[in-house]
Amino acid sequence: MPSKVELSLGIFVGIVAAGLSCRQAPPTSQPPSQPVTGSRPENAGPLWTGPPMSVLLLTIDTLRPDYLSLNGYDRATSPFLDDFLADAFQFSRAITPIARTTPALASLLTGAYPHTTGVRTLTDSLSDEVTSIAEVFREAGYQTVAVVTNNVLKPERRLDRGFDVYDMERDIRTAP
C-alpha cells in the first residue's frame, strides 16, 4: 500500500519544464510568502528580467509514481515521460492539501488552501477571491493553454480562468 506522500504525489505529478531556462539566473525578487490573491501593485518591479521562458505544468490524476520506469519500476511504463524529463525539471516531493481532483488542482493553480479557493468538493467552483497562475501568466503576456481530459474539470468549475484555450476533451465517463 502506498504511503500518504506517494498518494499525494500520485494525485498530481507536477512537472515544470522550462527548457534551458532552468539554468538561467534566478528571478530578481523573492517569491511571495502568501498565495497570490489579487493583482500586483502598479509600482511593483518585474518578477523576472531574463528572456521569456516556456513553462509546462503537467498534472496527471491518480498516477502512482512508484509505477513509473523513471522512478525505478522494472518495466518500461513511461518511456515518453522518461525522455521528456531528461531535459526538464521535476518536483520529486509534491504534497497536496486534499486528495480530491478538483480541490487539489484549484490549490495547485492558485497556491491557496481549499478553504481559500472555495473548492472543497469535486463539484465546487473556483472563488473570484483568488487568482490562478494561468491568469498571472496571461497578464504577463504568455499564451496559456489547458488540455483537459478529466470530465470532473469542466469549465463550470472555473479552473479555466486565465487560459486562452481550455480544450476540454470529452471522454466516455460521466461526471457530476
N, C-alpha and C. Protein backbone atom coordinates (compact mmCIF):
# COMPACT_ATOMS: atom_id res chain seq x y z
N MET A 1 0.85 -1.19 0.00
CA MET A 1 0.00 0.00 0.00
C MET A 1 0.89 1.24 0.00
N PRO A 2 0.63 2.19 -0.90
CA PRO A 2 1.47 3.40 -0.95
C PRO A 2 1.25 4.28 0.27
N SER A 3 2.28 5.03 0.62
CA SER A 3 2.19 5.96 1.74
C SER A 3 1.36 7.17 1.35
N LYS A 4 1.04 8.03 2.34
CA LYS A 4 0.29 9.25 2.06
C LYS A 4 1.05 10.16 1.10
N VAL A 5 2.39 10.20 1.26
CA VAL A 5 3.18 11.04 0.37
C VAL A 5 3.10 10.50 -1.06
N GLU A 6 3.20 9.17 -1.22
CA GLU A 6 3.10 8.59 -2.56
C GLU A 6 1.73 8.86 -3.17
N LEU A 7 0.68 8.76 -2.35
CA LEU A 7 -0.66 9.06 -2.86
C LEU A 7 -0.77 10.53 -3.24
N SER A 8 -0.18 11.40 -2.41
CA SER A 8 -0.20 12.82 -2.74
C SER A 8 0.53 13.07 -4.04
N LEU A 9 1.67 12.42 -4.21
CA LEU A 9 2.40 12.56 -5.47
C LEU A 9 1.58 12.01 -6.61
N GLY A 10 0.84 10.95 -6.35
CA GLY A 10 0.01 10.36 -7.38
C GLY A 10 -1.12 11.26 -7.81
N ILE A 11 -1.63 12.06 -6.90
CA ILE A 11 -2.70 12.98 -7.27
C ILE A 11 -2.20 13.97 -8.30
N PHE A 12 -1.08 14.56 -8.06
CA PHE A 12 -0.52 15.50 -9.03
C PHE A 12 0.98 15.33 -9.13
N VAL A 13 1.40 14.85 -10.25
CA VAL A 13 2.81 14.85 -10.54
C VAL A 13 3.05 16.16 -11.26
N GLY A 14 3.55 17.13 -10.54
CA GLY A 14 3.74 18.45 -11.12
C GLY A 14 5.10 18.54 -11.77
N ILE A 15 5.11 18.75 -13.03
CA ILE A 15 6.37 18.85 -13.75
C ILE A 15 6.43 20.20 -14.42
N VAL A 16 7.42 20.95 -14.10
CA VAL A 16 7.60 22.23 -14.74
C VAL A 16 8.83 22.12 -15.62
N ALA A 17 8.59 22.26 -16.91
CA ALA A 17 9.71 22.17 -17.84
C ALA A 17 9.95 23.55 -18.41
N ALA A 18 11.09 24.07 -18.14
CA ALA A 18 11.40 25.40 -18.63
C ALA A 18 12.57 25.35 -19.59
N GLY A 19 12.78 24.22 -20.20
CA GLY A 19 13.86 24.07 -21.15
C GLY A 19 15.18 24.52 -20.55
N LEU A 20 15.89 25.33 -21.23
CA LEU A 20 17.16 25.83 -20.72
C LEU A 20 16.99 26.88 -19.65
N SER A 21 15.76 27.37 -19.49
CA SER A 21 15.55 28.43 -18.51
C SER A 21 15.85 27.98 -17.09
N CYS A 22 15.85 26.68 -16.85
CA CYS A 22 16.21 26.19 -15.52
C CYS A 22 17.65 26.52 -15.19
N ARG A 23 18.43 26.79 -16.20
CA ARG A 23 19.85 27.09 -15.98
C ARG A 23 20.12 28.59 -15.94
N GLN A 24 19.10 29.40 -16.11
CA GLN A 24 19.28 30.84 -16.12
C GLN A 24 19.34 31.37 -14.69
N ALA A 25 19.64 32.63 -14.58
CA ALA A 25 19.70 33.28 -13.27
C ALA A 25 18.33 33.25 -12.60
N PRO A 26 18.30 33.25 -11.27
CA PRO A 26 17.02 33.26 -10.57
C PRO A 26 16.28 34.58 -10.74
N PRO A 27 14.97 34.59 -10.41
CA PRO A 27 14.21 35.84 -10.52
C PRO A 27 14.84 36.95 -9.71
N THR A 28 14.50 38.18 -10.07
CA THR A 28 15.09 39.34 -9.41
C THR A 28 14.45 39.62 -8.06
N SER A 29 13.31 39.02 -7.78
CA SER A 29 12.69 39.23 -6.48
C SER A 29 12.32 37.89 -5.88
N GLN A 30 12.14 37.88 -4.58
CA GLN A 30 11.78 36.65 -3.89
C GLN A 30 10.33 36.29 -4.20
N PRO A 31 10.00 34.97 -4.24
CA PRO A 31 8.61 34.61 -4.45
C PRO A 31 7.76 35.07 -3.27
N PRO A 32 6.48 35.30 -3.50
CA PRO A 32 5.63 35.77 -2.41
C PRO A 32 5.50 34.71 -1.33
N SER A 33 5.43 35.15 -0.06
CA SER A 33 5.29 34.21 1.04
C SER A 33 3.82 33.83 1.24
N GLN A 34 2.91 34.58 0.66
CA GLN A 34 1.48 34.29 0.76
C GLN A 34 0.95 33.96 -0.64
N PRO A 35 -0.17 33.20 -0.71
CA PRO A 35 -0.74 32.92 -2.03
C PRO A 35 -1.11 34.21 -2.75
N VAL A 36 -1.06 34.16 -4.08
CA VAL A 36 -1.46 35.31 -4.88
C VAL A 36 -2.97 35.43 -4.79
N THR A 37 -3.46 36.56 -4.29
CA THR A 37 -4.90 36.71 -4.13
C THR A 37 -5.43 37.95 -4.83
N GLY A 38 -4.62 38.61 -5.59
CA GLY A 38 -5.08 39.80 -6.30
C GLY A 38 -4.04 40.24 -7.29
N SER A 39 -4.27 41.36 -7.95
CA SER A 39 -3.28 41.82 -8.92
C SER A 39 -2.12 42.49 -8.19
N ARG A 40 -1.02 42.55 -8.91
CA ARG A 40 0.18 43.16 -8.36
C ARG A 40 0.03 44.68 -8.37
N PRO A 41 0.65 45.35 -7.42
CA PRO A 41 0.61 46.82 -7.43
C PRO A 41 1.27 47.36 -8.70
N GLU A 42 0.78 48.48 -9.19
CA GLU A 42 1.32 49.06 -10.43
C GLU A 42 2.79 49.41 -10.31
N ASN A 43 3.25 49.76 -9.12
CA ASN A 43 4.65 50.15 -8.94
C ASN A 43 5.56 48.97 -8.61
N ALA A 44 5.04 47.74 -8.65
CA ALA A 44 5.86 46.56 -8.35
C ALA A 44 6.88 46.36 -9.46
N GLY A 45 8.07 45.96 -9.11
CA GLY A 45 9.11 45.69 -10.09
C GLY A 45 8.85 44.39 -10.81
N PRO A 46 9.65 44.10 -11.82
CA PRO A 46 9.44 42.86 -12.58
C PRO A 46 9.80 41.64 -11.75
N LEU A 47 9.06 40.55 -11.98
CA LEU A 47 9.36 39.30 -11.30
C LEU A 47 10.56 38.62 -11.94
N TRP A 48 10.78 38.86 -13.21
CA TRP A 48 11.84 38.19 -13.96
C TRP A 48 12.36 39.15 -15.00
N THR A 49 13.68 39.28 -15.10
CA THR A 49 14.25 40.20 -16.07
C THR A 49 14.96 39.49 -17.21
N GLY A 50 15.01 38.15 -17.16
CA GLY A 50 15.66 37.37 -18.22
C GLY A 50 14.74 37.22 -19.42
N PRO A 51 15.18 36.44 -20.41
CA PRO A 51 14.35 36.20 -21.59
C PRO A 51 13.10 35.41 -21.22
N PRO A 52 12.05 35.52 -22.01
CA PRO A 52 10.82 34.77 -21.72
C PRO A 52 11.09 33.27 -21.65
N MET A 53 10.45 32.61 -20.72
CA MET A 53 10.61 31.17 -20.54
C MET A 53 9.39 30.44 -21.07
N SER A 54 9.60 29.22 -21.51
CA SER A 54 8.48 28.33 -21.80
C SER A 54 8.21 27.54 -20.54
N VAL A 55 6.95 27.45 -20.16
CA VAL A 55 6.60 26.75 -18.93
C VAL A 55 5.50 25.74 -19.25
N LEU A 56 5.69 24.52 -18.78
CA LEU A 56 4.68 23.48 -18.94
C LEU A 56 4.38 22.92 -17.57
N LEU A 57 3.13 22.95 -17.19
CA LEU A 57 2.70 22.32 -15.95
C LEU A 57 1.88 21.11 -16.37
N LEU A 58 2.40 19.94 -16.09
CA LEU A 58 1.73 18.70 -16.46
C LEU A 58 1.18 18.08 -15.20
N THR A 59 -0.12 17.88 -15.14
CA THR A 59 -0.73 17.23 -13.99
C THR A 59 -1.35 15.93 -14.46
N ILE A 60 -1.16 14.90 -13.69
CA ILE A 60 -1.72 13.59 -14.02
C ILE A 60 -2.47 13.12 -12.79
N ASP A 61 -3.75 12.87 -12.94
CA ASP A 61 -4.61 12.50 -11.83
C ASP A 61 -4.43 11.02 -11.49
N THR A 62 -4.26 10.74 -10.22
CA THR A 62 -4.17 9.40 -9.64
C THR A 62 -3.09 8.52 -10.27
N LEU A 63 -1.97 9.06 -10.53
CA LEU A 63 -0.83 8.31 -11.05
C LEU A 63 0.07 7.90 -9.89
N ARG A 64 0.37 6.63 -9.81
CA ARG A 64 1.28 6.15 -8.77
C ARG A 64 2.71 6.31 -9.24
N PRO A 65 3.49 7.15 -8.59
CA PRO A 65 4.86 7.40 -9.05
C PRO A 65 5.75 6.16 -8.99
N ASP A 66 5.44 5.23 -8.09
CA ASP A 66 6.27 4.03 -7.99
C ASP A 66 6.05 3.06 -9.15
N TYR A 67 5.10 3.35 -10.02
CA TYR A 67 4.85 2.52 -11.21
C TYR A 67 5.44 3.15 -12.46
N LEU A 68 6.22 4.18 -12.32
CA LEU A 68 6.87 4.82 -13.46
C LEU A 68 8.29 4.29 -13.61
N SER A 69 8.65 3.97 -14.85
CA SER A 69 10.01 3.47 -15.08
C SER A 69 11.05 4.51 -14.69
N LEU A 70 10.74 5.80 -14.83
CA LEU A 70 11.70 6.83 -14.45
C LEU A 70 11.97 6.84 -12.96
N ASN A 71 11.11 6.22 -12.18
CA ASN A 71 11.33 6.11 -10.73
C ASN A 71 11.83 4.73 -10.34
N GLY A 72 12.29 3.95 -11.31
CA GLY A 72 12.89 2.66 -11.00
C GLY A 72 11.99 1.45 -11.15
N TYR A 73 10.76 1.65 -11.64
CA TYR A 73 9.89 0.48 -11.85
C TYR A 73 10.55 -0.43 -12.88
N ASP A 74 10.42 -1.74 -12.71
CA ASP A 74 11.19 -2.67 -13.54
C ASP A 74 10.67 -2.87 -14.97
N ARG A 75 9.54 -2.28 -15.30
CA ARG A 75 9.03 -2.33 -16.68
C ARG A 75 9.04 -0.92 -17.26
N ALA A 76 9.14 -0.84 -18.59
CA ALA A 76 9.16 0.47 -19.26
C ALA A 76 7.73 1.00 -19.37
N THR A 77 7.24 1.59 -18.30
CA THR A 77 5.86 2.08 -18.27
C THR A 77 5.70 3.52 -18.74
N SER A 78 6.79 4.27 -18.77
CA SER A 78 6.68 5.69 -19.08
C SER A 78 7.81 6.18 -19.98
N PRO A 79 8.02 5.56 -21.15
CA PRO A 79 9.18 5.94 -21.98
C PRO A 79 9.12 7.39 -22.47
N PHE A 80 7.95 7.89 -22.84
CA PHE A 80 7.85 9.26 -23.34
C PHE A 80 8.08 10.27 -22.21
N LEU A 81 7.54 9.98 -21.06
CA LEU A 81 7.75 10.84 -19.90
C LEU A 81 9.22 10.80 -19.48
N ASP A 82 9.84 9.62 -19.54
CA ASP A 82 11.27 9.49 -19.24
C ASP A 82 12.09 10.39 -20.16
N ASP A 83 11.82 10.34 -21.46
CA ASP A 83 12.55 11.16 -22.43
C ASP A 83 12.33 12.65 -22.17
N PHE A 84 11.09 13.02 -21.91
CA PHE A 84 10.76 14.41 -21.65
C PHE A 84 11.51 14.93 -20.42
N LEU A 85 11.54 14.14 -19.37
CA LEU A 85 12.16 14.58 -18.13
C LEU A 85 13.68 14.60 -18.17
N ALA A 86 14.26 14.00 -19.19
CA ALA A 86 15.71 14.03 -19.32
C ALA A 86 16.23 15.46 -19.43
N ASP A 87 15.43 16.38 -20.01
CA ASP A 87 15.82 17.78 -20.18
C ASP A 87 14.89 18.73 -19.45
N ALA A 88 14.23 18.27 -18.43
CA ALA A 88 13.25 19.11 -17.72
C ALA A 88 13.53 19.07 -16.23
N PHE A 89 12.83 19.92 -15.53
CA PHE A 89 12.93 19.98 -14.08
C PHE A 89 11.67 19.34 -13.53
N GLN A 90 11.82 18.48 -12.55
CA GLN A 90 10.63 17.87 -11.95
C GLN A 90 10.68 18.01 -10.44
N PHE A 91 9.51 18.10 -9.85
CA PHE A 91 9.39 18.16 -8.41
C PHE A 91 9.19 16.73 -7.92
N SER A 92 10.12 16.23 -7.16
CA SER A 92 10.03 14.84 -6.70
C SER A 92 9.27 14.72 -5.38
N ARG A 93 9.05 15.84 -4.71
CA ARG A 93 8.27 15.83 -3.47
C ARG A 93 7.17 16.87 -3.60
N ALA A 94 6.01 16.42 -3.97
CA ALA A 94 4.86 17.31 -4.09
C ALA A 94 3.80 16.83 -3.10
N ILE A 95 3.19 17.76 -2.41
CA ILE A 95 2.18 17.40 -1.42
C ILE A 95 0.92 18.19 -1.73
N THR A 96 -0.20 17.53 -1.67
CA THR A 96 -1.48 18.18 -1.93
C THR A 96 -2.21 18.42 -0.62
N PRO A 97 -2.97 19.50 -0.52
CA PRO A 97 -3.71 19.74 0.72
C PRO A 97 -4.95 18.86 0.84
N ILE A 98 -5.35 18.22 -0.27
CA ILE A 98 -6.54 17.37 -0.25
C ILE A 98 -6.46 16.38 -1.41
N ALA A 99 -6.82 15.15 -1.14
CA ALA A 99 -6.71 14.09 -2.15
C ALA A 99 -8.00 13.94 -2.96
N ARG A 100 -8.43 15.03 -3.56
CA ARG A 100 -9.59 15.04 -4.47
C ARG A 100 -9.22 15.92 -5.65
N THR A 101 -9.59 15.49 -6.83
CA THR A 101 -9.12 16.12 -8.05
C THR A 101 -9.37 17.63 -8.11
N THR A 102 -10.61 18.05 -8.06
CA THR A 102 -10.92 19.47 -8.27
C THR A 102 -10.30 20.38 -7.21
N PRO A 103 -10.47 20.09 -5.91
CA PRO A 103 -9.85 20.98 -4.92
C PRO A 103 -8.33 20.94 -4.96
N ALA A 104 -7.74 19.79 -5.25
CA ALA A 104 -6.28 19.71 -5.32
C ALA A 104 -5.75 20.54 -6.49
N LEU A 105 -6.40 20.46 -7.64
CA LEU A 105 -5.96 21.24 -8.79
C LEU A 105 -6.18 22.73 -8.56
N ALA A 106 -7.29 23.09 -7.92
CA ALA A 106 -7.53 24.50 -7.59
C ALA A 106 -6.41 25.03 -6.69
N SER A 107 -5.98 24.24 -5.72
CA SER A 107 -4.88 24.66 -4.85
C SER A 107 -3.57 24.74 -5.62
N LEU A 108 -3.34 23.79 -6.51
CA LEU A 108 -2.11 23.81 -7.31
C LEU A 108 -2.06 25.06 -8.20
N LEU A 109 -3.19 25.41 -8.80
CA LEU A 109 -3.22 26.56 -9.72
C LEU A 109 -3.21 27.91 -9.01
N THR A 110 -3.56 27.94 -7.73
CA THR A 110 -3.64 29.22 -7.02
C THR A 110 -2.63 29.36 -5.89
N GLY A 111 -2.09 28.27 -5.41
CA GLY A 111 -1.20 28.32 -4.25
C GLY A 111 -1.95 28.56 -2.95
N ALA A 112 -3.25 28.33 -2.96
CA ALA A 112 -4.07 28.57 -1.77
C ALA A 112 -4.74 27.27 -1.32
N TYR A 113 -5.07 27.22 -0.05
CA TYR A 113 -5.75 26.06 0.51
C TYR A 113 -7.21 26.03 0.07
N PRO A 114 -7.85 24.84 0.12
CA PRO A 114 -9.25 24.73 -0.31
C PRO A 114 -10.20 25.70 0.38
N HIS A 115 -10.00 26.00 1.65
CA HIS A 115 -10.91 26.95 2.30
C HIS A 115 -10.79 28.35 1.71
N THR A 116 -9.66 28.66 1.08
CA THR A 116 -9.48 29.96 0.43
C THR A 116 -9.96 29.93 -1.02
N THR A 117 -9.72 28.82 -1.72
CA THR A 117 -10.15 28.73 -3.13
C THR A 117 -11.65 28.56 -3.26
N GLY A 118 -12.30 28.10 -2.19
CA GLY A 118 -13.73 27.82 -2.26
C GLY A 118 -14.03 26.47 -2.87
N VAL A 119 -13.00 25.71 -3.20
CA VAL A 119 -13.19 24.41 -3.83
C VAL A 119 -12.81 23.32 -2.83
N ARG A 120 -13.85 22.70 -2.26
CA ARG A 120 -13.63 21.64 -1.27
C ARG A 120 -14.16 20.30 -1.74
N THR A 121 -15.00 20.30 -2.77
CA THR A 121 -15.55 19.06 -3.30
C THR A 121 -15.25 18.99 -4.80
N LEU A 122 -15.56 17.87 -5.39
CA LEU A 122 -15.32 17.70 -6.83
C LEU A 122 -16.13 18.66 -7.69
N THR A 123 -17.26 19.14 -7.17
CA THR A 123 -18.16 19.95 -8.00
C THR A 123 -18.17 21.43 -7.64
N ASP A 124 -17.35 21.86 -6.68
CA ASP A 124 -17.27 23.28 -6.33
C ASP A 124 -16.57 24.07 -7.43
N SER A 125 -16.85 25.37 -7.47
CA SER A 125 -16.22 26.26 -8.45
C SER A 125 -15.21 27.18 -7.77
N LEU A 126 -14.18 27.55 -8.51
CA LEU A 126 -13.12 28.41 -8.02
C LEU A 126 -13.66 29.79 -7.64
N SER A 127 -13.29 30.27 -6.48
CA SER A 127 -13.74 31.56 -5.97
C SER A 127 -13.16 32.71 -6.78
N ASP A 128 -13.92 33.79 -6.88
CA ASP A 128 -13.43 35.01 -7.52
C ASP A 128 -12.36 35.70 -6.68
N GLU A 129 -12.22 35.29 -5.43
CA GLU A 129 -11.30 35.94 -4.49
C GLU A 129 -9.84 35.52 -4.69
N VAL A 130 -9.60 34.51 -5.53
CA VAL A 130 -8.22 34.04 -5.74
C VAL A 130 -7.84 34.22 -7.20
N THR A 131 -6.55 34.30 -7.44
CA THR A 131 -6.01 34.45 -8.79
C THR A 131 -5.26 33.17 -9.15
N SER A 132 -5.49 32.68 -10.34
CA SER A 132 -4.79 31.46 -10.76
C SER A 132 -3.47 31.80 -11.43
N ILE A 133 -2.57 30.84 -11.45
CA ILE A 133 -1.29 31.03 -12.11
C ILE A 133 -1.48 31.30 -13.59
N ALA A 134 -2.53 30.73 -14.19
CA ALA A 134 -2.81 31.00 -15.61
C ALA A 134 -3.15 32.47 -15.82
N GLU A 135 -3.88 33.07 -14.89
CA GLU A 135 -4.20 34.50 -15.00
C GLU A 135 -2.93 35.34 -14.89
N VAL A 136 -2.04 34.96 -13.99
CA VAL A 136 -0.78 35.70 -13.82
C VAL A 136 0.07 35.58 -15.08
N PHE A 137 0.17 34.38 -15.64
CA PHE A 137 0.95 34.20 -16.86
C PHE A 137 0.34 34.95 -18.03
N ARG A 138 -0.97 34.89 -18.17
CA ARG A 138 -1.62 35.60 -19.28
C ARG A 138 -1.40 37.11 -19.16
N GLU A 139 -1.51 37.63 -17.94
CA GLU A 139 -1.28 39.06 -17.70
C GLU A 139 0.16 39.45 -18.05
N ALA A 140 1.08 38.50 -17.92
CA ALA A 140 2.49 38.75 -18.23
C ALA A 140 2.79 38.56 -19.72
N GLY A 141 1.76 38.26 -20.51
CA GLY A 141 1.96 38.16 -21.95
C GLY A 141 2.14 36.75 -22.49
N TYR A 142 2.01 35.76 -21.65
CA TYR A 142 2.13 34.39 -22.11
C TYR A 142 0.84 33.93 -22.77
N GLN A 143 0.95 33.02 -23.72
CA GLN A 143 -0.21 32.32 -24.25
C GLN A 143 -0.45 31.15 -23.31
N THR A 144 -1.67 31.02 -22.81
CA THR A 144 -1.96 29.97 -21.84
C THR A 144 -2.96 28.98 -22.43
N VAL A 145 -2.61 27.72 -22.34
CA VAL A 145 -3.44 26.66 -22.92
C VAL A 145 -3.56 25.54 -21.91
N ALA A 146 -4.77 25.03 -21.75
CA ALA A 146 -5.00 23.84 -20.92
C ALA A 146 -5.64 22.79 -21.81
N VAL A 147 -5.09 21.59 -21.77
CA VAL A 147 -5.69 20.45 -22.45
C VAL A 147 -6.15 19.53 -21.34
N VAL A 148 -7.45 19.35 -21.23
CA VAL A 148 -8.05 18.66 -20.10
C VAL A 148 -8.81 17.43 -20.60
N THR A 149 -8.56 16.29 -19.97
CA THR A 149 -9.26 15.07 -20.35
C THR A 149 -10.03 14.46 -19.20
N ASN A 150 -10.23 15.20 -18.15
CA ASN A 150 -10.96 14.70 -16.99
C ASN A 150 -12.28 15.46 -16.92
N ASN A 151 -13.38 14.73 -17.07
CA ASN A 151 -14.70 15.37 -17.10
C ASN A 151 -15.06 16.09 -15.81
N VAL A 152 -14.41 15.78 -14.71
CA VAL A 152 -14.68 16.48 -13.46
C VAL A 152 -14.25 17.94 -13.56
N LEU A 153 -13.28 18.22 -14.41
CA LEU A 153 -12.70 19.57 -14.50
C LEU A 153 -13.38 20.41 -15.57
N LYS A 154 -14.70 20.31 -15.64
CA LYS A 154 -15.49 21.08 -16.60
C LYS A 154 -15.26 22.58 -16.41
N PRO A 155 -15.47 23.36 -17.46
CA PRO A 155 -15.33 24.82 -17.32
C PRO A 155 -16.21 25.41 -16.22
N GLU A 156 -17.31 24.76 -15.91
CA GLU A 156 -18.20 25.26 -14.84
C GLU A 156 -17.48 25.33 -13.49
N ARG A 157 -16.40 24.59 -13.34
CA ARG A 157 -15.63 24.61 -12.08
C ARG A 157 -14.75 25.86 -12.00
N ARG A 158 -14.67 26.59 -13.09
CA ARG A 158 -13.95 27.86 -13.21
C ARG A 158 -12.44 27.72 -13.10
N LEU A 159 -11.94 26.51 -13.26
CA LEU A 159 -10.50 26.31 -13.30
C LEU A 159 -9.93 26.74 -14.64
N ASP A 160 -10.81 27.09 -15.57
CA ASP A 160 -10.39 27.55 -16.89
C ASP A 160 -9.98 29.03 -16.89
N ARG A 161 -10.19 29.71 -15.76
CA ARG A 161 -9.87 31.14 -15.68
C ARG A 161 -8.40 31.39 -16.00
N GLY A 162 -8.15 32.31 -16.89
CA GLY A 162 -6.80 32.68 -17.24
C GLY A 162 -6.23 31.92 -18.43
N PHE A 163 -6.93 30.90 -18.88
CA PHE A 163 -6.45 30.15 -20.04
C PHE A 163 -7.04 30.74 -21.32
N ASP A 164 -6.18 31.03 -22.29
CA ASP A 164 -6.66 31.48 -23.59
C ASP A 164 -7.44 30.37 -24.27
N VAL A 165 -6.98 29.15 -24.08
CA VAL A 165 -7.65 27.97 -24.63
C VAL A 165 -7.81 26.98 -23.48
N TYR A 166 -9.02 26.48 -23.31
CA TYR A 166 -9.29 25.43 -22.33
C TYR A 166 -9.93 24.31 -23.13
N ASP A 167 -9.11 23.44 -23.64
CA ASP A 167 -9.54 22.36 -24.54
C ASP A 167 -10.03 21.19 -23.69
N MET A 168 -11.34 21.13 -23.55
CA MET A 168 -11.96 20.10 -22.72
C MET A 168 -12.28 18.90 -23.59
N GLU A 169 -11.39 17.95 -23.57
CA GLU A 169 -11.58 16.73 -24.36
C GLU A 169 -12.51 15.80 -23.60
N ARG A 170 -13.66 15.54 -24.19
CA ARG A 170 -14.64 14.67 -23.51
C ARG A 170 -14.21 13.22 -23.62
N ASP A 171 -14.39 12.48 -22.52
CA ASP A 171 -14.17 11.05 -22.58
C ASP A 171 -15.51 10.35 -22.34
N ILE A 172 -15.50 9.04 -22.33
CA ILE A 172 -16.76 8.31 -22.26
C ILE A 172 -17.31 8.22 -20.85
N ARG A 173 -16.53 8.65 -19.86
CA ARG A 173 -17.03 8.61 -18.49
C ARG A 173 -17.92 9.83 -18.23
N THR A 174 -18.79 9.72 -17.28
CA THR A 174 -19.62 10.85 -16.90
C THR A 174 -19.12 11.43 -15.59
N ALA A 175 -19.44 12.66 -15.35
CA ALA A 175 -19.04 13.31 -14.10
C ALA A 175 -20.21 14.13 -13.58
N PRO A 176 -20.24 14.35 -12.25
CA PRO A 176 -21.33 15.14 -11.66
C PRO A 176 -21.35 16.56 -12.18
